[in-house]
C-alpha cells in the first residue's frame, strides 16, 4: 500500500565526520525518506520531496537517526501525509460565478 507524502528536512554533521561515513548515512536517509539529499558545503544536507506513491514511515527515519546520532549536530525532518486537500478551489467557467473555496473534503 502507498500514500502521498511531503517530506522536507536537513541534517548537519559534526565537522570531524569523514565523507565516506557521511555518504553512507545520507544513502540510508535517502532510502528511508525516499528523497534525494543535496549539500552545498558537505556539512549540511537537505531534502524536499512530494511523493505520490510513498512508503515513507517516520519509524524508519527515526531508526536511521538513532543508529547514527553520534555523527549529527542537528537533525530536522518533517513528513506530512497528504490524505485529503485542506482547501479546494473550484470554478465552472461561468463568468457570473465566483470561484468557490471548500475546506476539507468535497
PDB file of N, CA and C in Angstrom:
ATOM      1  N   UNK A   1       0.833  -1.171   0.000  1.00  0.00           N
ATOM      2  CA  UNK A   1       0.000   0.000   0.000  1.00  0.00           C
ATOM      3  C   UNK A   1       0.883   1.241   0.000  1.00  0.00           C
ATOM      4  N   UNK A   2       0.449   2.265  -0.700  1.00  0.00           N
ATOM      5  CA  UNK A   2       1.203   3.520  -0.736  1.00  0.00           C
ATOM      6  C   UNK A   2       0.277   4.682  -0.429  1.00  0.00           C
ATOM      7  N   UNK A   3       0.875   5.831  -0.190  1.00  0.00           N
ATOM      8  CA  UNK A   3       0.130   7.034   0.155  1.00  0.00           C
ATOM      9  C   UNK A   3       0.928   8.217  -0.341  1.00  0.00           C
ATOM     10  N   UNK A   4       0.383   9.402  -0.181  1.00  0.00           N
ATOM     11  CA  UNK A   4       1.048  10.622  -0.621  1.00  0.00           C
ATOM     12  C   UNK A   4       1.705  11.296   0.579  1.00  0.00           C
ATOM     13  N   UNK A   5       2.952  11.752   0.378  1.00  0.00           N
ATOM     14  CA  UNK A   5       3.660  12.443   1.459  1.00  0.00           C
ATOM     15  C   UNK A   5       4.418  13.646   0.922  1.00  0.00           C
ATOM     16  N   UNK A   6       4.616  14.608   1.792  1.00  0.00           N
ATOM     17  CA  UNK A   6       5.536  15.711   1.566  1.00  0.00           C
ATOM     18  C   UNK A   6       6.588  15.586   2.664  1.00  0.00           C
ATOM     19  N   UNK A   7       7.835  15.404   2.260  1.00  0.00           N
ATOM     20  CA  UNK A   7       8.935  15.236   3.208  1.00  0.00           C
ATOM     21  C   UNK A   7       9.936  16.363   2.988  1.00  0.00           C
ATOM     22  N   UNK A   8      10.344  16.992   4.065  1.00  0.00           N
ATOM     23  CA  UNK A   8      11.332  18.071   3.998  1.00  0.00           C
ATOM     24  C   UNK A   8      12.216  17.973   5.235  1.00  0.00           C
ATOM     25  N   UNK A   9      13.502  18.261   5.068  1.00  0.00           N
ATOM     26  CA  UNK A   9      14.363  18.204   6.233  1.00  0.00           C
ATOM     27  C   UNK A   9      15.806  18.540   5.944  1.00  0.00           C
ATOM     28  N   UNK A  10      16.579  18.544   7.013  1.00  0.00           N
ATOM     29  CA  UNK A  10      18.021  18.738   6.881  1.00  0.00           C
ATOM     30  C   UNK A  10      18.731  18.016   8.017  1.00  0.00           C
ATOM     31  N   UNK A  11      19.972  17.691   7.777  1.00  0.00           N
ATOM     32  CA  UNK A  11      20.853  17.154   8.814  1.00  0.00           C
ATOM     33  C   UNK A  11      22.171  17.910   8.728  1.00  0.00           C
ATOM     34  N   UNK A  12      22.759  18.150   9.888  1.00  0.00           N
ATOM     35  CA  UNK A  12      24.072  18.789   9.956  1.00  0.00           C
ATOM     36  C   UNK A  12      25.009  17.835  10.680  1.00  0.00           C
ATOM     37  N   UNK A  13      26.099  17.500  10.004  1.00  0.00           N
ATOM     38  CA  UNK A  13      27.085  16.594  10.579  1.00  0.00           C
ATOM     39  C   UNK A  13      28.091  17.354  11.433  1.00  0.00           C
ATOM     40  N   UNK A  14      28.647  16.669  12.396  1.00  0.00           N
ATOM     41  CA  UNK A  14      29.776  17.205  13.149  1.00  0.00           C
ATOM     42  C   UNK A  14      30.945  17.353  12.182  1.00  0.00           C
ATOM     43  N   UNK A  15      31.762  18.343  12.392  1.00  0.00           N
ATOM     44  CA  UNK A  15      32.852  18.654  11.465  1.00  0.00           C
ATOM     45  C   UNK A  15      33.894  17.573  11.310  1.00  0.00           C
ATOM     46  N   UNK A  16      33.992  16.665  12.253  1.00  0.00           N
ATOM     47  CA  UNK A  16      35.046  15.647  12.225  1.00  0.00           C
ATOM     48  C   UNK A  16      34.659  14.376  11.459  1.00  0.00           C
ATOM     49  N   UNK A  17      33.470  14.327  10.882  1.00  0.00           N
ATOM     50  CA  UNK A  17      32.982  13.111  10.218  1.00  0.00           C
ATOM     51  C   UNK A  17      33.515  13.044   8.798  1.00  0.00           C
ATOM     52  N   UNK A  18      34.126  11.912   8.439  1.00  0.00           N
ATOM     53  CA  UNK A  18      34.697  11.763   7.106  1.00  0.00           C
ATOM     54  C   UNK A  18      33.594  11.636   6.048  1.00  0.00           C
ATOM     55  N   UNK A  19      33.935  11.962   4.813  1.00  0.00           N
ATOM     56  CA  UNK A  19      32.967  11.998   3.704  1.00  0.00           C
ATOM     57  C   UNK A  19      32.353  10.631   3.422  1.00  0.00           C
ATOM     58  N   UNK A  20      33.122   9.577   3.569  1.00  0.00           N
ATOM     59  CA  UNK A  20      32.600   8.230   3.317  1.00  0.00           C
ATOM     60  C   UNK A  20      31.490   7.873   4.315  1.00  0.00           C
ATOM     61  N   UNK A  21      31.692   8.198   5.579  1.00  0.00           N
ATOM     62  CA  UNK A  21      30.670   7.946   6.598  1.00  0.00           C
ATOM     63  C   UNK A  21      29.441   8.811   6.340  1.00  0.00           C
ATOM     64  N   UNK A  22      29.650  10.074   5.990  1.00  0.00           N
ATOM     65  CA  UNK A  22      28.533  10.949   5.647  1.00  0.00           C
ATOM     66  C   UNK A  22      27.716  10.348   4.500  1.00  0.00           C
ATOM     67  N   UNK A  23      28.392   9.893   3.469  1.00  0.00           N
ATOM     68  CA  UNK A  23      27.720   9.327   2.291  1.00  0.00           C
ATOM     69  C   UNK A  23      26.908   8.090   2.675  1.00  0.00           C
ATOM     70  N   UNK A  24      27.472   7.244   3.527  1.00  0.00           N
ATOM     71  CA  UNK A  24      26.763   6.046   3.988  1.00  0.00           C
ATOM     72  C   UNK A  24      25.472   6.426   4.722  1.00  0.00           C
ATOM     73  N   UNK A  25      25.572   7.422   5.590  1.00  0.00           N
ATOM     74  CA  UNK A  25      24.410   7.856   6.366  1.00  0.00           C
ATOM     75  C   UNK A  25      23.370   8.505   5.450  1.00  0.00           C
ATOM     76  N   UNK A  26      23.813   9.361   4.558  1.00  0.00           N
ATOM     77  CA  UNK A  26      22.884  10.024   3.636  1.00  0.00           C
ATOM     78  C   UNK A  26      22.200   9.005   2.739  1.00  0.00           C
ATOM     79  N   UNK A  27      22.912   7.979   2.301  1.00  0.00           N
ATOM     80  CA  UNK A  27      22.285   6.920   1.495  1.00  0.00           C
ATOM     81  C   UNK A  27      21.174   6.217   2.286  1.00  0.00           C
ATOM     82  N   UNK A  28      21.427   5.950   3.551  1.00  0.00           N
ATOM     83  CA  UNK A  28      20.389   5.311   4.378  1.00  0.00           C
ATOM     84  C   UNK A  28      19.211   6.251   4.611  1.00  0.00           C
ATOM     85  N   UNK A  29      19.479   7.533   4.828  1.00  0.00           N
ATOM     86  CA  UNK A  29      18.395   8.504   4.972  1.00  0.00           C
ATOM     87  C   UNK A  29      17.606   8.639   3.671  1.00  0.00           C
ATOM     88  N   UNK A  30      18.295   8.593   2.539  1.00  0.00           N
ATOM     89  CA  UNK A  30      17.611   8.676   1.240  1.00  0.00           C
ATOM     90  C   UNK A  30      16.659   7.494   1.057  1.00  0.00           C
ATOM     91  N   UNK A  31      17.090   6.316   1.461  1.00  0.00           N
ATOM     92  CA  UNK A  31      16.207   5.141   1.380  1.00  0.00           C
ATOM     93  C   UNK A  31      15.004   5.297   2.303  1.00  0.00           C
ATOM     94  N   UNK A  32      15.233   5.778   3.520  1.00  0.00           N
ATOM     95  CA  UNK A  32      14.152   5.892   4.499  1.00  0.00           C
ATOM     96  C   UNK A  32      13.167   7.004   4.148  1.00  0.00           C
ATOM     97  N   UNK A  33      13.669   8.114   3.591  1.00  0.00           N
ATOM     98  CA  UNK A  33      12.804   9.259   3.276  1.00  0.00           C
ATOM     99  C   UNK A  33      12.287   9.230   1.849  1.00  0.00           C
ATOM    100  N   UNK A  34      12.870   8.378   1.020  1.00  0.00           N
ATOM    101  CA  UNK A  34      12.547   8.332  -0.410  1.00  0.00           C
ATOM    102  C   UNK A  34      12.774   9.696  -1.051  1.00  0.00           C
ATOM    103  N   UNK A  35      13.839  10.382  -0.605  1.00  0.00           N
ATOM    104  CA  UNK A  35      14.199  11.707  -1.100  1.00  0.00           C
ATOM    105  C   UNK A  35      15.647  11.731  -1.564  1.00  0.00           C
ATOM    106  N   UNK A  36      15.933  12.632  -2.468  1.00  0.00           N
ATOM    107  CA  UNK A  36      17.314  12.926  -2.837  1.00  0.00           C
ATOM    108  C   UNK A  36      17.837  13.996  -1.884  1.00  0.00           C
ATOM    109  N   UNK A  37      19.005  13.770  -1.329  1.00  0.00           N
ATOM    110  CA  UNK A  37      19.626  14.715  -0.395  1.00  0.00           C
ATOM    111  C   UNK A  37      20.732  15.465  -1.114  1.00  0.00           C
ATOM    112  N   UNK A  38      20.793  16.784  -0.918  1.00  0.00           N
ATOM    113  CA  UNK A  38      21.810  17.611  -1.562  1.00  0.00           C
ATOM    114  C   UNK A  38      22.550  18.416  -0.499  1.00  0.00           C
ATOM    115  N   UNK A  39      23.749  18.869  -0.877  1.00  0.00           N
ATOM    116  CA  UNK A  39      24.556  19.698   0.029  1.00  0.00           C
ATOM    117  C   UNK A  39      25.324  20.729  -0.775  1.00  0.00           C
ATOM    118  N   UNK A  40      25.598  21.856  -0.142  1.00  0.00           N
ATOM    119  CA  UNK A  40      26.455  22.887  -0.729  1.00  0.00           C
ATOM    120  C   UNK A  40      27.803  22.950  -0.029  1.00  0.00           C
ATOM    121  N   UNK A  41      27.859  22.413   1.202  1.00  0.00           N
ATOM    122  CA  UNK A  41      29.073  22.591   1.997  1.00  0.00           C
ATOM    123  C   UNK A  41      29.630  21.300   2.597  1.00  0.00           C
ATOM    124  N   UNK A  42      29.042  20.155   2.272  1.00  0.00           N
ATOM    125  CA  UNK A  42      29.467  18.853   2.800  1.00  0.00           C
ATOM    126  C   UNK A  42      29.330  18.736   4.313  1.00  0.00           C
ATOM    127  N   UNK A  43      28.568  19.606   4.931  1.00  0.00           N
ATOM    128  CA  UNK A  43      28.275  19.528   6.364  1.00  0.00           C
ATOM    129  C   UNK A  43      26.766  19.399   6.570  1.00  0.00           C
ATOM    130  N   UNK A  44      26.012  20.252   5.885  1.00  0.00           N
ATOM    131  CA  UNK A  44      24.556  20.244   5.976  1.00  0.00           C
ATOM    132  C   UNK A  44      23.966  19.693   4.691  1.00  0.00           C
ATOM    133  N   UNK A  45      23.106  18.695   4.836  1.00  0.00           N
ATOM    134  CA  UNK A  45      22.411  18.079   3.707  1.00  0.00           C
ATOM    135  C   UNK A  45      20.923  18.370   3.861  1.00  0.00           C
ATOM    136  N   UNK A  46      20.239  18.595   2.726  1.00  0.00           N
ATOM    137  CA  UNK A  46      18.818  18.936   2.731  1.00  0.00           C
ATOM    138  C   UNK A  46      18.045  18.037   1.769  1.00  0.00           C
ATOM    139  N   UNK A  47      16.767  17.851   2.114  1.00  0.00           N
ATOM    140  CA  UNK A  47      15.879  17.123   1.211  1.00  0.00           C
ATOM    141  C   UNK A  47      14.519  17.799   1.192  1.00  0.00           C
ATOM    142  N   UNK A  48      13.818  17.631   0.079  1.00  0.00           N
ATOM    143  CA  UNK A  48      12.450  18.128  -0.062  1.00  0.00           C
ATOM    144  C   UNK A  48      11.812  17.362  -1.202  1.00  0.00           C
ATOM    145  N   UNK A  49      10.661  16.736  -0.944  1.00  0.00           N
ATOM    146  CA  UNK A  49      10.039  15.932  -1.991  1.00  0.00           C
ATOM    147  C   UNK A  49       8.564  15.718  -1.708  1.00  0.00           C
ATOM    148  N   UNK A  50       7.767  15.789  -2.758  1.00  0.00           N
ATOM    149  CA  UNK A  50       6.382  15.333  -2.720  1.00  0.00           C
ATOM    150  C   UNK A  50       6.372  13.990  -3.429  1.00  0.00           C
ATOM    151  N   UNK A  51       5.877  12.984  -2.755  1.00  0.00           N
ATOM    152  CA  UNK A  51       5.892  11.627  -3.289  1.00  0.00           C
ATOM    153  C   UNK A  51       4.454  11.121  -3.369  1.00  0.00           C
ATOM    154  N   UNK A  52       4.006  10.851  -4.579  1.00  0.00           N
ATOM    155  CA  UNK A  52       2.612  10.441  -4.780  1.00  0.00           C
ATOM    156  C   UNK A  52       2.408   8.946  -4.586  1.00  0.00           C
ATOM    157  N   UNK A  53       3.480   8.177  -4.536  1.00  0.00           N
ATOM    158  CA  UNK A  53       3.404   6.726  -4.283  1.00  0.00           C
ATOM    159  C   UNK A  53       4.360   6.373  -3.155  1.00  0.00           C
ATOM    160  N   UNK A  54       4.184   7.021  -2.025  1.00  0.00           N
ATOM    161  CA  UNK A  54       5.127   6.965  -0.924  1.00  0.00           C
ATOM    162  C   UNK A  54       4.949   5.712  -0.061  1.00  0.00           C
ATOM    163  N   UNK A  55       6.067   5.312   0.515  1.00  0.00           N
ATOM    164  CA  UNK A  55       6.086   4.284   1.553  1.00  0.00           C
ATOM    165  C   UNK A  55       6.861   4.794   2.769  1.00  0.00           C
ATOM    166  N   UNK A  56       7.011   6.124   2.851  1.00  0.00           N
ATOM    167  CA  UNK A  56       7.776   6.753   3.929  1.00  0.00           C
ATOM    168  C   UNK A  56       7.067   6.531   5.259  1.00  0.00           C
ATOM    169  N   UNK A  57       7.864   6.129   6.247  1.00  0.00           N
ATOM    170  CA  UNK A  57       7.350   5.953   7.600  1.00  0.00           C
ATOM    171  C   UNK A  57       8.339   6.566   8.584  1.00  0.00           C
ATOM    172  N   UNK A  58       7.817   7.338   9.503  1.00  0.00           N
ATOM    173  CA  UNK A  58       8.660   8.005  10.487  1.00  0.00           C
ATOM    174  C   UNK A  58       9.538   7.062  11.275  1.00  0.00           C
ATOM    175  N   UNK A  59       9.040   5.865  11.555  1.00  0.00           N
ATOM    176  CA  UNK A  59       9.820   4.902  12.345  1.00  0.00           C
ATOM    177  C   UNK A  59      11.123   4.532  11.654  1.00  0.00           C
ATOM    178  N   UNK A  60      11.079   4.387  10.331  1.00  0.00           N
ATOM    179  CA  UNK A  60      12.296   4.029   9.588  1.00  0.00           C
ATOM    180  C   UNK A  60      13.320   5.161   9.629  1.00  0.00           C
ATOM    181  N   UNK A  61      12.843   6.387   9.501  1.00  0.00           N
ATOM    182  CA  UNK A  61      13.738   7.546   9.579  1.00  0.00           C
ATOM    183  C   UNK A  61      14.324   7.646  10.987  1.00  0.00           C
ATOM    184  N   UNK A  62      13.489   7.490  11.987  1.00  0.00           N
ATOM    185  CA  UNK A  62      13.942   7.547  13.384  1.00  0.00           C
ATOM    186  C   UNK A  62      15.001   6.481  13.656  1.00  0.00           C
ATOM    187  N   UNK A  63      14.840   5.293  13.088  1.00  0.00           N
ATOM    188  CA  UNK A  63      15.824   4.222  13.282  1.00  0.00           C
ATOM    189  C   UNK A  63      17.191   4.607  12.717  1.00  0.00           C
ATOM    190  N   UNK A  64      17.206   5.238  11.543  1.00  0.00           N
ATOM    191  CA  UNK A  64      18.475   5.674  10.950  1.00  0.00           C
ATOM    192  C   UNK A  64      19.109   6.757  11.825  1.00  0.00           C
ATOM    193  N   UNK A  65      18.316   7.730  12.244  1.00  0.00           N
ATOM    194  CA  UNK A  65      18.836   8.811  13.085  1.00  0.00           C
ATOM    195  C   UNK A  65      19.377   8.245  14.398  1.00  0.00           C
ATOM    196  N   UNK A  66      18.644   7.326  14.990  1.00  0.00           N
ATOM    197  CA  UNK A  66      19.079   6.720  16.252  1.00  0.00           C
ATOM    198  C   UNK A  66      20.397   5.960  16.078  1.00  0.00           C
ATOM    199  N   UNK A  67      20.519   5.213  14.974  1.00  0.00           N
ATOM    200  CA  UNK A  67      21.730   4.432  14.716  1.00  0.00           C
ATOM    201  C   UNK A  67      22.967   5.320  14.563  1.00  0.00           C
ATOM    202  N   UNK A  68      22.793   6.493  13.951  1.00  0.00           N
ATOM    203  CA  UNK A  68      23.933   7.358  13.633  1.00  0.00           C
ATOM    204  C   UNK A  68      23.936   8.669  14.418  1.00  0.00           C
ATOM    205  N   UNK A  69      23.202   8.761  15.513  1.00  0.00           N
ATOM    206  CA  UNK A  69      23.039  10.036  16.213  1.00  0.00           C
ATOM    207  C   UNK A  69      24.356  10.647  16.684  1.00  0.00           C
ATOM    208  N   UNK A  70      25.359   9.844  16.933  1.00  0.00           N
ATOM    209  CA  UNK A  70      26.638  10.378  17.407  1.00  0.00           C
ATOM    210  C   UNK A  70      27.356  11.199  16.333  1.00  0.00           C
ATOM    211  N   UNK A  71      26.928  11.085  15.064  1.00  0.00           N
ATOM    212  CA  UNK A  71      27.559  11.811  13.963  1.00  0.00           C
ATOM    213  C   UNK A  71      26.891  13.155  13.653  1.00  0.00           C
ATOM    214  N   UNK A  72      25.719  13.406  14.225  1.00  0.00           N
ATOM    215  CA  UNK A  72      24.943  14.600  13.885  1.00  0.00           C
ATOM    216  C   UNK A  72      25.125  15.708  14.916  1.00  0.00           C
ATOM    217  N   UNK A  73      25.154  16.939  14.413  1.00  0.00           N
ATOM    218  CA  UNK A  73      24.972  18.107  15.268  1.00  0.00           C
ATOM    219  C   UNK A  73      23.484  18.415  15.386  1.00  0.00           C
ATOM    220  N   UNK A  74      22.764  18.243  14.277  1.00  0.00           N
ATOM    221  CA  UNK A  74      21.334  18.557  14.272  1.00  0.00           C
ATOM    222  C   UNK A  74      20.627  17.761  13.183  1.00  0.00           C
ATOM    223  N   UNK A  75      19.389  17.354  13.492  1.00  0.00           N
ATOM    224  CA  UNK A  75      18.525  16.661  12.529  1.00  0.00           C
ATOM    225  C   UNK A  75      17.127  17.270  12.637  1.00  0.00           C
ATOM    226  N   UNK A  76      16.541  17.610  11.505  1.00  0.00           N
ATOM    227  CA  UNK A  76      15.158  18.094  11.473  1.00  0.00           C
ATOM    228  C   UNK A  76      14.512  17.560  10.192  1.00  0.00           C
ATOM    229  N   UNK A  77      13.608  16.607  10.334  1.00  0.00           N
ATOM    230  CA  UNK A  77      12.916  16.012   9.192  1.00  0.00           C
ATOM    231  C   UNK A  77      11.425  15.992   9.519  1.00  0.00           C
ATOM    232  N   UNK A  78      10.625  16.488   8.603  1.00  0.00           N
ATOM    233  CA  UNK A  78       9.172  16.502   8.789  1.00  0.00           C
ATOM    234  C   UNK A  78       8.499  15.756   7.641  1.00  0.00           C
ATOM    235  N   UNK A  79       7.443  15.038   7.979  1.00  0.00           N
ATOM    236  CA  UNK A  79       6.647  14.305   6.990  1.00  0.00           C
ATOM    237  C   UNK A  79       5.198  14.754   7.134  1.00  0.00           C
ATOM    238  N   UNK A  80       4.599  15.126   6.032  1.00  0.00           N
ATOM    239  CA  UNK A  80       3.166  15.415   6.008  1.00  0.00           C
ATOM    240  C   UNK A  80       2.503  14.330   5.174  1.00  0.00           C
ATOM    241  N   UNK A  81       1.460  13.750   5.705  1.00  0.00           N
ATOM    242  CA  UNK A  81       0.683  12.748   4.982  1.00  0.00           C
ATOM    243  C   UNK A  81      -0.470  13.468   4.307  1.00  0.00           C
ATOM    244  N   UNK A  82      -0.525  13.405   2.991  1.00  0.00           N
ATOM    245  CA  UNK A  82      -1.453  14.205   2.189  1.00  0.00           C
ATOM    246  C   UNK A  82      -2.689  13.396   1.822  1.00  0.00           C
ATOM    247  N   UNK A  83      -3.455  13.009   2.821  1.00  0.00           N
ATOM    248  CA  UNK A  83      -4.600  12.131   2.562  1.00  0.00           C
ATOM    249  C   UNK A  83      -5.815  12.865   2.019  1.00  0.00           C
ATOM    250  N   UNK A  84      -5.906  14.176   2.242  1.00  0.00           N
ATOM    251  CA  UNK A  84      -7.004  14.929   1.651  1.00  0.00           C
ATOM    252  C   UNK A  84      -6.607  16.391   1.569  1.00  0.00           C
ATOM    253  N   UNK A  85      -7.261  17.110   0.679  1.00  0.00           N
ATOM    254  CA  UNK A  85      -6.953  18.525   0.483  1.00  0.00           C
ATOM    255  C   UNK A  85      -7.434  19.347   1.672  1.00  0.00           C
ATOM    256  N   UNK A  86      -6.662  20.350   2.044  1.00  0.00           N
ATOM    257  CA  UNK A  86      -7.099  21.298   3.063  1.00  0.00           C
ATOM    258  C   UNK A  86      -8.071  22.316   2.463  1.00  0.00           C
ATOM    259  N   UNK A  87      -7.804  22.693   1.217  1.00  0.00           N
ATOM    260  CA  UNK A  87      -8.696  23.592   0.504  1.00  0.00           C
ATOM    261  C   UNK A  87      -8.754  23.167  -0.960  1.00  0.00           C
ATOM    262  N   UNK A  88      -9.911  23.331  -1.555  1.00  0.00           N
ATOM    263  CA  UNK A  88     -10.094  23.061  -2.975  1.00  0.00           C
ATOM    264  C   UNK A  88     -10.778  24.273  -3.594  1.00  0.00           C
ATOM    265  N   UNK A  89     -10.203  24.811  -4.649  1.00  0.00           N
ATOM    266  CA  UNK A  89     -10.800  25.934  -5.352  1.00  0.00           C
ATOM    267  C   UNK A  89     -11.439  25.392  -6.612  1.00  0.00           C
ATOM    268  N   UNK A  90     -12.755  25.690  -6.795  1.00  0.00           N
ATOM    269  CA  UNK A  90     -13.490  25.189  -7.957  1.00  0.00           C
ATOM    270  C   UNK A  90     -14.145  26.347  -8.670  1.00  0.00           C
ATOM    271  N   UNK A  91     -14.143  26.241  -9.993  1.00  0.00           N
ATOM    272  CA  UNK A  91     -14.784  27.239 -10.833  1.00  0.00           C
ATOM    273  C   UNK A  91     -15.267  26.540 -12.081  1.00  0.00           C
ATOM    274  N   UNK A  92     -16.519  26.784 -12.468  1.00  0.00           N
ATOM    275  CA  UNK A  92     -17.094  26.056 -13.599  1.00  0.00           C
ATOM    276  C   UNK A  92     -16.917  26.769 -14.925  1.00  0.00           C
ATOM    277  N   UNK A  93     -16.386  27.978 -14.925  1.00  0.00           N
ATOM    278  CA  UNK A  93     -16.194  28.704 -16.169  1.00  0.00           C
ATOM    279  C   UNK A  93     -17.297  29.708 -16.456  1.00  0.00           C
ATOM    280  N   UNK A  94     -18.324  29.772 -15.632  1.00  0.00           N
ATOM    281  CA  UNK A  94     -19.410  30.718 -15.786  1.00  0.00           C
ATOM    282  C   UNK A  94     -18.923  32.094 -15.318  1.00  0.00           C
ATOM    283  N   UNK A  95     -18.985  33.104 -16.186  1.00  0.00           N
ATOM    284  CA  UNK A  95     -18.495  34.440 -15.858  1.00  0.00           C
ATOM    285  C   UNK A  95     -19.217  35.069 -14.672  1.00  0.00           C
ATOM    286  N   UNK A  96     -20.409  34.582 -14.346  1.00  0.00           N
ATOM    287  CA  UNK A  96     -21.195  35.178 -13.278  1.00  0.00           C
ATOM    288  C   UNK A  96     -20.928  34.524 -11.922  1.00  0.00           C
ATOM    289  N   UNK A  97     -20.188  33.451 -11.920  1.00  0.00           N
ATOM    290  CA  UNK A  97     -19.909  32.750 -10.668  1.00  0.00           C
ATOM    291  C   UNK A  97     -18.556  33.167 -10.123  1.00  0.00           C
ATOM    292  N   UNK A  98     -18.467  33.255  -8.814  1.00  0.00           N
ATOM    293  CA  UNK A  98     -17.195  33.446  -8.140  1.00  0.00           C
ATOM    294  C   UNK A  98     -16.580  32.069  -7.903  1.00  0.00           C
ATOM    295  N   UNK A  99     -15.254  31.939  -7.989  1.00  0.00           N
ATOM    296  CA  UNK A  99     -14.638  30.659  -7.625  1.00  0.00           C
ATOM    297  C   UNK A  99     -14.980  30.314  -6.172  1.00  0.00           C
ATOM    298  N   UNK A 100     -15.314  29.078  -5.935  1.00  0.00           N
ATOM    299  CA  UNK A 100     -15.688  28.615  -4.598  1.00  0.00           C
ATOM    300  C   UNK A 100     -14.477  27.975  -3.928  1.00  0.00           C
ATOM    301  N   UNK A 101     -14.344  28.208  -2.642  1.00  0.00           N
ATOM    302  CA  UNK A 101     -13.290  27.572  -1.850  1.00  0.00           C
ATOM    303  C   UNK A 101     -13.969  26.658  -0.849  1.00  0.00           C
ATOM    304  N   UNK A 102     -13.577  25.394  -0.884  1.00  0.00           N
ATOM    305  CA  UNK A 102     -14.109  24.404   0.050  1.00  0.00           C
ATOM    306  C   UNK A 102     -12.982  24.015   0.985  1.00  0.00           C
ATOM    307  N   UNK A 103     -13.294  23.870   2.245  1.00  0.00           N
ATOM    308  CA  UNK A 103     -12.310  23.427   3.241  1.00  0.00           C
ATOM    309  C   UNK A 103     -12.548  21.944   3.506  1.00  0.00           C
ATOM    310  N   UNK A 104     -11.481  21.160   3.449  1.00  0.00           N
ATOM    311  CA  UNK A 104     -11.598  19.718   3.675  1.00  0.00           C
ATOM    312  C   UNK A 104     -12.133  19.018   2.439  1.00  0.00           C
ATOM    313  N   UNK A 105     -12.784  17.900   2.646  1.00  0.00           N
ATOM    314  CA  UNK A 105     -13.300  17.110   1.526  1.00  0.00           C
ATOM    315  C   UNK A 105     -14.514  17.751   0.899  1.00  0.00           C
ATOM    316  N   UNK A 106     -14.681  17.476  -0.385  1.00  0.00           N
ATOM    317  CA  UNK A 106     -15.877  17.950  -1.099  1.00  0.00           C
ATOM    318  C   UNK A 106     -17.001  16.975  -0.919  1.00  0.00           C
TER     319      UNK A 106
END
